[in-house]
PDB file of N, CA and C in Angstrom:
ATOM      1  N   UNK A   1      33.967   5.479 -12.049  1.00  0.00           N
ATOM      2  CA  UNK A   1      33.382   5.084 -10.784  1.00  0.00           C
ATOM      3  C   UNK A   1      32.368   6.133 -10.360  1.00  0.00           C
ATOM      4  N   UNK A   2      31.286   5.692  -9.787  1.00  0.00           N
ATOM      5  CA  UNK A   2      30.200   6.597  -9.422  1.00  0.00           C
ATOM      6  C   UNK A   2      29.804   6.306  -7.977  1.00  0.00           C
ATOM      7  N   UNK A   3      30.304   7.076  -7.036  1.00  0.00           N
ATOM      8  CA  UNK A   3      30.001   6.881  -5.620  1.00  0.00           C
ATOM      9  C   UNK A   3      29.044   7.948  -5.122  1.00  0.00           C
ATOM     10  N   UNK A   4      28.106   7.553  -4.295  1.00  0.00           N
ATOM     11  CA  UNK A   4      27.156   8.509  -3.748  1.00  0.00           C
ATOM     12  C   UNK A   4      27.525   8.819  -2.303  1.00  0.00           C
ATOM     13  N   UNK A   5      27.601  10.089  -1.974  1.00  0.00           N
ATOM     14  CA  UNK A   5      27.813  10.550  -0.614  1.00  0.00           C
ATOM     15  C   UNK A   5      26.756  11.594  -0.321  1.00  0.00           C
ATOM     16  N   UNK A   6      25.728  11.223   0.420  1.00  0.00           N
ATOM     17  CA  UNK A   6      24.604  12.097   0.720  1.00  0.00           C
ATOM     18  C   UNK A   6      24.025  12.693  -0.567  1.00  0.00           C
ATOM     19  N   UNK A   7      24.130  14.008  -0.753  1.00  0.00           N
ATOM     20  CA  UNK A   7      23.581  14.644  -1.949  1.00  0.00           C
ATOM     21  C   UNK A   7      24.656  14.949  -2.989  1.00  0.00           C
ATOM     22  N   UNK A   8      25.839  14.391  -2.801  1.00  0.00           N
ATOM     23  CA  UNK A   8      26.942  14.643  -3.712  1.00  0.00           C
ATOM     24  C   UNK A   8      27.316  13.360  -4.435  1.00  0.00           C
ATOM     25  N   UNK A   9      27.746  13.498  -5.675  1.00  0.00           N
ATOM     26  CA  UNK A   9      28.237  12.357  -6.435  1.00  0.00           C
ATOM     27  C   UNK A   9      29.664  12.651  -6.884  1.00  0.00           C
ATOM     28  N   UNK A  10      30.504  11.669  -6.727  1.00  0.00           N
ATOM     29  CA  UNK A  10      31.870  11.791  -7.244  1.00  0.00           C
ATOM     30  C   UNK A  10      31.930  10.898  -8.469  1.00  0.00           C
ATOM     31  N   UNK A  11      32.054  11.508  -9.638  1.00  0.00           N
ATOM     32  CA  UNK A  11      31.979  10.785 -10.893  1.00  0.00           C
ATOM     33  C   UNK A  11      33.155  11.195 -11.783  1.00  0.00           C
ATOM     34  N   UNK A  12      34.113  10.279 -11.962  1.00  0.00           N
ATOM     35  CA  UNK A  12      35.271  10.529 -12.832  1.00  0.00           C
ATOM     36  C   UNK A  12      35.985  11.836 -12.486  1.00  0.00           C
ATOM     37  N   UNK A  13      36.326  12.004 -11.225  1.00  0.00           N
ATOM     38  CA  UNK A  13      37.069  13.159 -10.715  1.00  0.00           C
ATOM     39  C   UNK A  13      36.281  14.464 -10.708  1.00  0.00           C
ATOM     40  N   UNK A  14      34.968  14.398 -10.881  1.00  0.00           N
ATOM     41  CA  UNK A  14      34.133  15.599 -10.816  1.00  0.00           C
ATOM     42  C   UNK A  14      33.126  15.429  -9.692  1.00  0.00           C
ATOM     43  N   UNK A  15      32.940  16.478  -8.939  1.00  0.00           N
ATOM     44  CA  UNK A  15      31.955  16.472  -7.867  1.00  0.00           C
ATOM     45  C   UNK A  15      30.648  17.035  -8.418  1.00  0.00           C
ATOM     46  N   UNK A  16      29.592  16.262  -8.325  1.00  0.00           N
ATOM     47  CA  UNK A  16      28.298  16.658  -8.874  1.00  0.00           C
ATOM     48  C   UNK A  16      27.282  16.703  -7.738  1.00  0.00           C
ATOM     49  N   UNK A  17      26.423  17.690  -7.757  1.00  0.00           N
ATOM     50  CA  UNK A  17      25.371  17.816  -6.763  1.00  0.00           C
ATOM     51  C   UNK A  17      24.088  17.185  -7.290  1.00  0.00           C
ATOM     52  N   UNK A  18      23.405  16.500  -6.423  1.00  0.00           N
ATOM     53  CA  UNK A  18      22.113  15.927  -6.789  1.00  0.00           C
ATOM     54  C   UNK A  18      21.033  16.814  -6.182  1.00  0.00           C
ATOM     55  N   UNK A  19      20.095  17.233  -6.997  1.00  0.00           N
ATOM     56  CA  UNK A  19      18.998  18.064  -6.516  1.00  0.00           C
ATOM     57  C   UNK A  19      17.897  17.158  -5.981  1.00  0.00           C
ATOM     58  N   UNK A  20      17.540  17.337  -4.726  1.00  0.00           N
ATOM     59  CA  UNK A  20      16.470  16.561  -4.095  1.00  0.00           C
ATOM     60  C   UNK A  20      15.358  17.525  -3.727  1.00  0.00           C
ATOM     61  N   UNK A  21      14.169  17.265  -4.235  1.00  0.00           N
ATOM     62  CA  UNK A  21      13.034  18.127  -3.923  1.00  0.00           C
ATOM     63  C   UNK A  21      12.559  17.837  -2.511  1.00  0.00           C
ATOM     64  N   UNK A  22      12.244  18.886  -1.785  1.00  0.00           N
ATOM     65  CA  UNK A  22      11.830  18.750  -0.400  1.00  0.00           C
ATOM     66  C   UNK A  22      10.328  18.530  -0.296  1.00  0.00           C
ATOM     67  N   UNK A  23       9.922  17.796   0.725  1.00  0.00           N
ATOM     68  CA  UNK A  23       8.509  17.634   1.052  1.00  0.00           C
ATOM     69  C   UNK A  23       8.398  17.697   2.554  1.00  0.00           C
ATOM     70  N   UNK A  24       7.228  18.029   3.013  1.00  0.00           N
ATOM     71  CA  UNK A  24       6.980  18.085   4.447  1.00  0.00           C
ATOM     72  C   UNK A  24       6.678  16.665   4.917  1.00  0.00           C
ATOM     73  N   UNK A  25       7.605  16.065   5.646  1.00  0.00           N
ATOM     74  CA  UNK A  25       7.478  14.671   6.086  1.00  0.00           C
ATOM     75  C   UNK A  25       6.244  14.441   6.965  1.00  0.00           C
ATOM     76  N   UNK A  26       5.916  15.425   7.821  1.00  0.00           N
ATOM     77  CA  UNK A  26       4.740  15.274   8.687  1.00  0.00           C
ATOM     78  C   UNK A  26       3.453  15.222   7.861  1.00  0.00           C
ATOM     79  N   UNK A  27       3.314  16.137   6.924  1.00  0.00           N
ATOM     80  CA  UNK A  27       2.117  16.177   6.076  1.00  0.00           C
ATOM     81  C   UNK A  27       2.040  14.912   5.236  1.00  0.00           C
ATOM     82  N   UNK A  28       3.159  14.520   4.644  1.00  0.00           N
ATOM     83  CA  UNK A  28       3.217  13.316   3.820  1.00  0.00           C
ATOM     84  C   UNK A  28       2.773  12.093   4.618  1.00  0.00           C
ATOM     85  N   UNK A  29       3.322  11.942   5.823  1.00  0.00           N
ATOM     86  CA  UNK A  29       2.974  10.813   6.680  1.00  0.00           C
ATOM     87  C   UNK A  29       1.505  10.828   7.066  1.00  0.00           C
ATOM     88  N   UNK A  30       0.978  11.990   7.409  1.00  0.00           N
ATOM     89  CA  UNK A  30      -0.436  12.108   7.776  1.00  0.00           C
ATOM     90  C   UNK A  30      -1.349  11.786   6.596  1.00  0.00           C
ATOM     91  N   UNK A  31      -0.978  12.216   5.404  1.00  0.00           N
ATOM     92  CA  UNK A  31      -1.779  11.927   4.211  1.00  0.00           C
ATOM     93  C   UNK A  31      -1.804  10.434   3.903  1.00  0.00           C
ATOM     94  N   UNK A  32      -0.661   9.769   4.065  1.00  0.00           N
ATOM     95  CA  UNK A  32      -0.624   8.312   3.868  1.00  0.00           C
ATOM     96  C   UNK A  32      -1.515   7.626   4.888  1.00  0.00           C
ATOM     97  N   UNK A  33      -1.401   8.022   6.146  1.00  0.00           N
ATOM     98  CA  UNK A  33      -2.219   7.420   7.201  1.00  0.00           C
ATOM     99  C   UNK A  33      -3.708   7.657   6.970  1.00  0.00           C
ATOM    100  N   UNK A  34      -4.056   8.854   6.492  1.00  0.00           N
ATOM    101  CA  UNK A  34      -5.454   9.174   6.196  1.00  0.00           C
ATOM    102  C   UNK A  34      -5.984   8.259   5.085  1.00  0.00           C
ATOM    103  N   UNK A  35      -5.195   8.093   4.040  1.00  0.00           N
ATOM    104  CA  UNK A  35      -5.602   7.206   2.948  1.00  0.00           C
ATOM    105  C   UNK A  35      -5.768   5.773   3.443  1.00  0.00           C
ATOM    106  N   UNK A  36      -4.792   5.268   4.199  1.00  0.00           N
ATOM    107  CA  UNK A  36      -4.845   3.893   4.679  1.00  0.00           C
ATOM    108  C   UNK A  36      -6.002   3.666   5.650  1.00  0.00           C
ATOM    109  N   UNK A  37      -6.303   4.654   6.479  1.00  0.00           N
ATOM    110  CA  UNK A  37      -7.445   4.540   7.391  1.00  0.00           C
ATOM    111  C   UNK A  37      -8.736   4.446   6.588  1.00  0.00           C
ATOM    112  N   UNK A  38      -8.900   5.304   5.597  1.00  0.00           N
ATOM    113  CA  UNK A  38     -10.082   5.277   4.748  1.00  0.00           C
ATOM    114  C   UNK A  38     -10.195   3.940   4.021  1.00  0.00           C
ATOM    115  N   UNK A  39      -9.078   3.465   3.478  1.00  0.00           N
ATOM    116  CA  UNK A  39      -9.082   2.173   2.798  1.00  0.00           C
ATOM    117  C   UNK A  39      -9.491   1.057   3.759  1.00  0.00           C
ATOM    118  N   UNK A  40      -8.895   1.034   4.931  1.00  0.00           N
ATOM    119  CA  UNK A  40      -9.174  -0.017   5.907  1.00  0.00           C
ATOM    120  C   UNK A  40     -10.632  -0.050   6.330  1.00  0.00           C
ATOM    121  N   UNK A  41     -11.198   1.115   6.614  1.00  0.00           N
ATOM    122  CA  UNK A  41     -12.590   1.196   7.064  1.00  0.00           C
ATOM    123  C   UNK A  41     -13.542   0.768   5.952  1.00  0.00           C
ATOM    124  N   UNK A  42     -13.336   1.297   4.747  1.00  0.00           N
ATOM    125  CA  UNK A  42     -14.253   0.956   3.657  1.00  0.00           C
ATOM    126  C   UNK A  42     -14.071  -0.486   3.207  1.00  0.00           C
ATOM    127  N   UNK A  43     -12.835  -0.984   3.174  1.00  0.00           N
ATOM    128  CA  UNK A  43     -12.604  -2.378   2.779  1.00  0.00           C
ATOM    129  C   UNK A  43     -13.253  -3.330   3.776  1.00  0.00           C
ATOM    130  N   UNK A  44     -13.113  -3.061   5.066  1.00  0.00           N
ATOM    131  CA  UNK A  44     -13.721  -3.924   6.078  1.00  0.00           C
ATOM    132  C   UNK A  44     -15.238  -3.946   5.933  1.00  0.00           C
ATOM    133  N   UNK A  45     -15.823  -2.794   5.724  1.00  0.00           N
ATOM    134  CA  UNK A  45     -17.268  -2.704   5.559  1.00  0.00           C
ATOM    135  C   UNK A  45     -17.742  -3.501   4.344  1.00  0.00           C
ATOM    136  N   UNK A  46     -17.037  -3.382   3.229  1.00  0.00           N
ATOM    137  CA  UNK A  46     -17.403  -4.108   2.009  1.00  0.00           C
ATOM    138  C   UNK A  46     -17.232  -5.613   2.180  1.00  0.00           C
ATOM    139  N   UNK A  47     -16.157  -6.037   2.846  1.00  0.00           N
ATOM    140  CA  UNK A  47     -15.942  -7.468   3.098  1.00  0.00           C
ATOM    141  C   UNK A  47     -17.060  -8.013   3.974  1.00  0.00           C
ATOM    142  N   UNK A  48     -17.382  -7.313   5.064  1.00  0.00           N
ATOM    143  CA  UNK A  48     -18.443  -7.765   5.972  1.00  0.00           C
ATOM    144  C   UNK A  48     -19.775  -7.900   5.237  1.00  0.00           C
ATOM    145  N   UNK A  49     -20.107  -6.906   4.409  1.00  0.00           N
ATOM    146  CA  UNK A  49     -21.366  -6.919   3.671  1.00  0.00           C
ATOM    147  C   UNK A  49     -21.436  -8.126   2.732  1.00  0.00           C
ATOM    148  N   UNK A  50     -20.377  -8.370   1.968  1.00  0.00           N
ATOM    149  CA  UNK A  50     -20.366  -9.477   1.019  1.00  0.00           C
ATOM    150  C   UNK A  50     -20.340 -10.837   1.701  1.00  0.00           C
ATOM    151  N   UNK A  51     -19.637 -10.950   2.819  1.00  0.00           N
ATOM    152  CA  UNK A  51     -19.612 -12.217   3.553  1.00  0.00           C
ATOM    153  C   UNK A  51     -20.991 -12.528   4.108  1.00  0.00           C
ATOM    154  N   UNK A  52     -21.654 -11.556   4.707  1.00  0.00           N
ATOM    155  CA  UNK A  52     -23.014 -11.783   5.229  1.00  0.00           C
ATOM    156  C   UNK A  52     -23.975 -12.177   4.110  1.00  0.00           C
ATOM    157  N   UNK A  53     -23.875 -11.497   2.980  1.00  0.00           N
ATOM    158  CA  UNK A  53     -24.713 -11.814   1.819  1.00  0.00           C
ATOM    159  C   UNK A  53     -24.444 -13.242   1.325  1.00  0.00           C
ATOM    160  N   UNK A  54     -23.171 -13.606   1.246  1.00  0.00           N
ATOM    161  CA  UNK A  54     -22.794 -14.940   0.774  1.00  0.00           C
ATOM    162  C   UNK A  54     -23.201 -16.037   1.752  1.00  0.00           C
ATOM    163  N   UNK A  55     -23.133 -15.746   3.042  1.00  0.00           N
ATOM    164  CA  UNK A  55     -23.611 -16.710   4.045  1.00  0.00           C
ATOM    165  C   UNK A  55     -25.122 -16.891   3.941  1.00  0.00           C
ATOM    166  N   UNK A  56     -25.853 -15.799   3.750  1.00  0.00           N
ATOM    167  CA  UNK A  56     -27.323 -15.890   3.710  1.00  0.00           C
ATOM    168  C   UNK A  56     -27.829 -16.619   2.467  1.00  0.00           C
ATOM    169  N   UNK A  57     -27.089 -16.562   1.351  1.00  0.00           N
ATOM    170  CA  UNK A  57     -27.534 -17.300   0.166  1.00  0.00           C
ATOM    171  C   UNK A  57     -26.796 -18.630   0.002  1.00  0.00           C
ATOM    172  N   UNK A  58     -26.091 -19.043   1.066  1.00  0.00           N
ATOM    173  CA  UNK A  58     -25.402 -20.341   1.141  1.00  0.00           C
ATOM    174  C   UNK A  58     -24.322 -20.545   0.071  1.00  0.00           C
ATOM    175  N   UNK A  59     -23.734 -19.477  -0.441  1.00  0.00           N
ATOM    176  CA  UNK A  59     -22.641 -19.640  -1.404  1.00  0.00           C
ATOM    177  C   UNK A  59     -21.300 -19.876  -0.716  1.00  0.00           C
ATOM    178  N   UNK A  60     -21.228 -19.619   0.608  1.00  0.00           N
ATOM    179  CA  UNK A  60     -20.063 -19.987   1.427  1.00  0.00           C
ATOM    180  C   UNK A  60     -20.575 -20.563   2.739  1.00  0.00           C
ATOM    181  N   UNK A  61     -19.711 -21.321   3.414  1.00  0.00           N
ATOM    182  CA  UNK A  61     -20.092 -21.885   4.718  1.00  0.00           C
ATOM    183  C   UNK A  61     -19.508 -21.042   5.843  1.00  0.00           C
ATOM    184  N   UNK A  62     -20.015 -21.264   7.048  1.00  0.00           N
ATOM    185  CA  UNK A  62     -19.539 -20.485   8.203  1.00  0.00           C
ATOM    186  C   UNK A  62     -18.125 -20.874   8.627  1.00  0.00           C
ATOM    187  N   UNK A  63     -17.586 -21.975   8.093  1.00  0.00           N
ATOM    188  CA  UNK A  63     -16.212 -22.398   8.421  1.00  0.00           C
ATOM    189  C   UNK A  63     -15.233 -22.070   7.294  1.00  0.00           C
ATOM    190  N   UNK A  64     -15.647 -21.208   6.401  1.00  0.00           N
ATOM    191  CA  UNK A  64     -14.840 -20.854   5.225  1.00  0.00           C
ATOM    192  C   UNK A  64     -13.573 -20.094   5.623  1.00  0.00           C
ATOM    193  N   UNK A  65     -12.529 -20.315   4.834  1.00  0.00           N
ATOM    194  CA  UNK A  65     -11.318 -19.485   4.899  1.00  0.00           C
ATOM    195  C   UNK A  65     -11.235 -18.789   3.543  1.00  0.00           C
ATOM    196  N   UNK A  66     -11.347 -17.483   3.555  1.00  0.00           N
ATOM    197  CA  UNK A  66     -11.370 -16.706   2.318  1.00  0.00           C
ATOM    198  C   UNK A  66      -9.974 -16.205   1.971  1.00  0.00           C
ATOM    199  N   UNK A  67      -9.566 -16.455   0.738  1.00  0.00           N
ATOM    200  CA  UNK A  67      -8.309 -15.882   0.263  1.00  0.00           C
ATOM    201  C   UNK A  67      -8.594 -14.448  -0.160  1.00  0.00           C
ATOM    202  N   UNK A  68      -7.744 -13.552   0.280  1.00  0.00           N
ATOM    203  CA  UNK A  68      -7.953 -12.132  -0.010  1.00  0.00           C
ATOM    204  C   UNK A  68      -6.687 -11.543  -0.626  1.00  0.00           C
ATOM    205  N   UNK A  69      -6.896 -10.578  -1.498  1.00  0.00           N
ATOM    206  CA  UNK A  69      -5.781  -9.915  -2.166  1.00  0.00           C
ATOM    207  C   UNK A  69      -6.127  -8.441  -2.323  1.00  0.00           C
ATOM    208  N   UNK A  70      -5.181  -7.587  -2.015  1.00  0.00           N
ATOM    209  CA  UNK A  70      -5.357  -6.148  -2.218  1.00  0.00           C
ATOM    210  C   UNK A  70      -4.197  -5.650  -3.067  1.00  0.00           C
ATOM    211  N   UNK A  71      -4.511  -4.785  -4.011  1.00  0.00           N
ATOM    212  CA  UNK A  71      -3.488  -4.210  -4.877  1.00  0.00           C
ATOM    213  C   UNK A  71      -3.414  -2.712  -4.641  1.00  0.00           C
ATOM    214  N   UNK A  72      -2.218  -2.231  -4.365  1.00  0.00           N
ATOM    215  CA  UNK A  72      -1.977  -0.798  -4.195  1.00  0.00           C
ATOM    216  C   UNK A  72      -1.254  -0.300  -5.435  1.00  0.00           C
ATOM    217  N   UNK A  73      -1.867   0.635  -6.123  1.00  0.00           N
ATOM    218  CA  UNK A  73      -1.279   1.175  -7.340  1.00  0.00           C
ATOM    219  C   UNK A  73      -1.248   2.697  -7.271  1.00  0.00           C
ATOM    220  N   UNK A  74      -0.084   3.262  -7.521  1.00  0.00           N
ATOM    221  CA  UNK A  74       0.064   4.705  -7.671  1.00  0.00           C
ATOM    222  C   UNK A  74       0.800   4.897  -8.992  1.00  0.00           C
ATOM    223  N   UNK A  75       0.029   5.204 -10.032  1.00  0.00           N
ATOM    224  CA  UNK A  75       0.573   5.278 -11.372  1.00  0.00           C
ATOM    225  C   UNK A  75       1.691   6.283 -11.557  1.00  0.00           C
ATOM    226  N   UNK A  76       1.552   7.438 -10.949  1.00  0.00           N
ATOM    227  CA  UNK A  76       2.512   8.521 -11.168  1.00  0.00           C
ATOM    228  C   UNK A  76       3.924   8.177 -10.686  1.00  0.00           C
ATOM    229  N   UNK A  77       4.030   7.301  -9.687  1.00  0.00           N
ATOM    230  CA  UNK A  77       5.354   6.906  -9.186  1.00  0.00           C
ATOM    231  C   UNK A  77       5.662   5.443  -9.499  1.00  0.00           C
ATOM    232  N   UNK A  78       4.832   4.828 -10.352  1.00  0.00           N
ATOM    233  CA  UNK A  78       5.028   3.452 -10.789  1.00  0.00           C
ATOM    234  C   UNK A  78       5.110   2.480  -9.613  1.00  0.00           C
ATOM    235  N   UNK A  79       4.177   2.614  -8.666  1.00  0.00           N
ATOM    236  CA  UNK A  79       4.109   1.706  -7.519  1.00  0.00           C
ATOM    237  C   UNK A  79       2.997   0.708  -7.748  1.00  0.00           C
ATOM    238  N   UNK A  80       3.344  -0.556  -7.698  1.00  0.00           N
ATOM    239  CA  UNK A  80       2.382  -1.648  -7.775  1.00  0.00           C
ATOM    240  C   UNK A  80       2.761  -2.633  -6.686  1.00  0.00           C
ATOM    241  N   UNK A  81       1.901  -2.746  -5.671  1.00  0.00           N
ATOM    242  CA  UNK A  81       2.203  -3.595  -4.521  1.00  0.00           C
ATOM    243  C   UNK A  81       0.994  -4.453  -4.209  1.00  0.00           C
ATOM    244  N   UNK A  82       1.205  -5.777  -4.133  1.00  0.00           N
ATOM    245  CA  UNK A  82       0.121  -6.698  -3.849  1.00  0.00           C
ATOM    246  C   UNK A  82       0.290  -7.296  -2.468  1.00  0.00           C
ATOM    247  N   UNK A  83      -0.813  -7.348  -1.725  1.00  0.00           N
ATOM    248  CA  UNK A  83      -0.831  -7.941  -0.398  1.00  0.00           C
ATOM    249  C   UNK A  83      -1.844  -9.066  -0.426  1.00  0.00           C
ATOM    250  N   UNK A  84      -1.435 -10.258   0.017  1.00  0.00           N
ATOM    251  CA  UNK A  84      -2.316 -11.412   0.028  1.00  0.00           C
ATOM    252  C   UNK A  84      -2.429 -11.979   1.430  1.00  0.00           C
ATOM    253  N   UNK A  85      -3.551 -12.632   1.696  1.00  0.00           N
ATOM    254  CA  UNK A  85      -3.734 -13.248   2.998  1.00  0.00           C
ATOM    255  C   UNK A  85      -5.003 -14.072   3.037  1.00  0.00           C
ATOM    256  N   UNK A  86      -5.383 -14.466   4.218  1.00  0.00           N
ATOM    257  CA  UNK A  86      -6.585 -15.257   4.434  1.00  0.00           C
ATOM    258  C   UNK A  86      -7.430 -14.628   5.525  1.00  0.00           C
ATOM    259  N   UNK A  87      -8.751 -14.797   5.387  1.00  0.00           N
ATOM    260  CA  UNK A  87      -9.687 -14.357   6.424  1.00  0.00           C
ATOM    261  C   UNK A  87     -10.497 -15.580   6.837  1.00  0.00           C
ATOM    262  N   UNK A  88     -10.371 -15.977   8.096  1.00  0.00           N
ATOM    263  CA  UNK A  88     -11.142 -17.099   8.625  1.00  0.00           C
ATOM    264  C   UNK A  88     -12.464 -16.579   9.157  1.00  0.00           C
ATOM    265  N   UNK A  89     -13.547 -17.278   8.879  1.00  0.00           N
ATOM    266  CA  UNK A  89     -14.852 -16.861   9.390  1.00  0.00           C
ATOM    267  C   UNK A  89     -15.093 -17.407  10.788  1.00  0.00           C
ATOM    268  N   UNK A  90     -14.492 -18.511  11.122  1.00  0.00           N
ATOM    269  CA  UNK A  90     -14.605 -19.100  12.468  1.00  0.00           C
ATOM    270  C   UNK A  90     -13.272 -19.637  12.914  1.00  0.00           C
TER     271      UNK A  90
END
């Protein structure tokens, strides 16, 4: 049986310690927010630019609903997360 209690493991009558590396939660949180803010600002700018271009060359209409997808990948921690949605122009 392998039960976890905080940083301790009880495994077959032996108490084992789990080593957890520490990180500064405030710095970590701020770095994530900084990345997401940068992503949000640049993604919005790129979407606006392409939508205006597509409207001006008539490849989309002003009543279009655009399907959008964003992929978040962090290779070192094997994170792959997809976010999907719609953007209405009117």
